Structure formats: structure tokens, C-alpha cells
Amino acid sequence: MGRSLIGIVHAKDKLRIRKSISHRNGSMLATTNQVPKGHFAVYVGETCRRFVVPIAYLNQPLFQDLLHWAKEEFGYNHPMGGLTIPCSEDYFISLTSLLKSS
């Protein structure tokens, strides 16, 4: 039992370190299931990689185009249950970087 508790503690530490590194680098890649206030999670690409983006992006015409594209591709009843955007991860990162700088 002692070994399993140590494993859990190490796993939590690794997750905490990974989260802090991601946050320091300004990455929008979500490393935990928590979504900060004022943000929402989207799934992008063939692997459905999870990103957390600010709600303010919903007002941006470029991001709205992505949402319309997602609606056309998946409709409103997507089996994954989350907001999935049908574009490559590289495209999504480029677009959100552009929105972040504006």
C-alpha cells in the first residue's frame, strides 16, 4: 500500500509541474480537466487534442468561422460531447496566436 501512495504522490507532482510549465510558456494546451473562469475547452485535430481558449475569442470573426465550420461538419450532436473543431492543430495554434496578438 505504501508503494501505491508514493506512486500517486509522484503522479500528482508530475502533473503539477507539467501544468506550471505549460502555464509559464503561455501554452493553451489543457493539461488537466479544469477550465479557468472565462475560458472554455475545445478539441482540435485528428487526435482531438484539448485546448483551453478565452471566451473573448467567441466575438472574433475568424474564430466564428471555425465554429460555423464545426457546425457544418458535426452539427449540434457530436458523439464526443465537447466542442470539436475540424481543423489541424497547426492551423488552430496559428489562428489563436493571431487572435492573442490582436
Protein backbone atom coordinates (compact mmCIF):
# COMPACT_ATOMS: atom_id res chain seq x y z
CA MET A 1 0.00 0.00 0.00
CA GLY A 2 2.87 2.38 0.76
CA ARG A 3 4.24 1.99 -2.76
CA SER A 4 0.90 2.85 -4.39
CA LEU A 5 0.57 6.02 -2.31
CA ILE A 6 4.08 7.06 -3.30
CA GLY A 7 3.16 6.47 -6.94
CA ILE A 8 0.09 8.67 -6.59
CA VAL A 9 2.12 11.44 -4.96
CA HIS A 10 4.70 11.28 -7.77
CA ALA A 11 1.96 11.37 -10.41
CA LYS A 12 0.39 14.44 -8.80
CA ASP A 13 3.79 16.16 -8.64
CA LYS A 14 4.44 15.44 -12.33
CA LEU A 15 1.03 16.80 -13.28
CA ARG A 16 1.57 19.92 -11.17
CA ILE A 17 4.99 20.52 -12.77
CA ARG A 18 3.60 19.95 -16.25
CA LYS A 19 0.76 22.36 -15.59
CA SER A 20 3.07 25.08 -14.26
CA ILE A 21 5.46 24.71 -17.22
CA SER A 22 2.54 24.90 -19.64
CA HIS A 23 1.18 27.99 -17.87
CA ARG A 24 4.60 29.70 -17.80
CA ASN A 25 5.10 29.13 -21.51
CA GLY A 26 1.71 30.66 -22.29
CA SER A 27 0.51 27.43 -23.81
CA MET A 28 -3.19 26.97 -24.32
CA LEU A 29 -2.87 23.22 -24.21
CA ALA A 30 -5.03 21.94 -21.37
CA THR A 31 -3.14 19.60 -19.05
CA THR A 32 -5.94 19.00 -16.56
CA ASN A 33 -9.70 18.70 -16.66
CA GLN A 34 -10.16 22.10 -15.03
CA VAL A 35 -11.07 25.07 -17.17
CA PRO A 36 -10.35 28.51 -15.68
CA LYS A 37 -13.14 31.03 -15.36
CA GLY A 38 -13.60 32.99 -18.57
CA HIS A 39 -12.32 30.15 -20.77
CA PHE A 40 -13.72 27.06 -22.49
CA ALA A 41 -12.28 23.83 -23.83
CA VAL A 42 -12.24 22.77 -27.48
CA TYR A 43 -10.98 19.63 -29.16
CA VAL A 44 -8.88 20.09 -32.29
CA GLY A 45 -7.33 17.91 -34.96
CA GLU A 46 -7.42 14.22 -35.78
CA THR A 47 -6.25 13.27 -32.29
CA CYS A 48 -8.80 15.59 -30.64
CA ARG A 49 -6.17 17.44 -28.67
CA ARG A 50 -7.77 19.58 -25.97
CA PHE A 51 -7.14 23.34 -25.83
CA VAL A 52 -8.47 25.96 -23.44
CA VAL A 53 -9.26 29.32 -25.02
CA PRO A 54 -10.65 32.61 -23.68
CA ILE A 55 -14.36 33.24 -24.10
CA ALA A 56 -13.45 36.57 -25.74
CA TYR A 57 -12.49 34.59 -28.87
CA LEU A 58 -16.18 33.94 -29.46
CA ASN A 59 -16.52 37.56 -30.61
CA GLN A 60 -13.73 37.24 -33.19
CA PRO A 61 -14.86 36.71 -36.81
CA LEU A 62 -12.02 34.24 -37.53
CA PHE A 63 -12.99 32.09 -34.56
CA GLN A 64 -16.66 32.33 -35.51
CA ASP A 65 -15.71 30.92 -38.92
CA LEU A 66 -14.22 27.90 -37.14
CA LEU A 67 -17.42 27.46 -35.15
CA HIS A 68 -19.53 27.55 -38.33
CA TRP A 69 -17.19 25.01 -39.89
CA ALA A 70 -17.60 22.77 -36.82
CA LYS A 71 -21.39 23.11 -37.05
CA GLU A 72 -21.36 22.09 -40.72
CA GLU A 73 -19.05 19.15 -40.04
CA PHE A 74 -20.62 17.76 -36.86
CA GLY A 75 -23.94 19.51 -36.29
CA TYR A 76 -25.03 20.02 -32.71
CA ASN A 77 -24.98 16.39 -31.57
CA HIS A 78 -21.35 15.37 -31.70
CA PRO A 79 -20.68 11.97 -30.08
CA MET A 80 -17.60 13.22 -28.21
CA GLY A 81 -19.77 15.66 -26.30
CA GLY A 82 -17.36 18.59 -26.48
CA LEU A 83 -16.86 21.37 -28.94
CA THR A 84 -14.73 19.79 -31.67
CA ILE A 85 -13.15 21.97 -34.33
CA PRO A 86 -12.35 20.16 -37.61
CA CYS A 87 -9.00 21.73 -38.47
CA SER A 88 -5.36 20.82 -37.97
CA GLU A 89 -3.67 21.62 -34.68
CA ASP A 90 -1.13 23.78 -36.51
CA TYR A 91 -3.88 25.86 -38.12
CA PHE A 92 -5.67 26.26 -34.79
CA ILE A 93 -2.50 27.31 -32.98
CA SER A 94 -1.66 29.81 -35.72
CA LEU A 95 -5.15 31.28 -35.62
CA THR A 96 -5.27 31.57 -31.83
CA SER A 97 -1.77 33.11 -31.82
CA LEU A 98 -3.03 35.70 -34.28
CA LEU A 99 -6.09 36.40 -32.12
CA LYS A 100 -3.94 36.61 -28.98
CA SER A 101 -1.66 39.23 -30.54
CA SER A 102 -4.53 41.43 -31.71
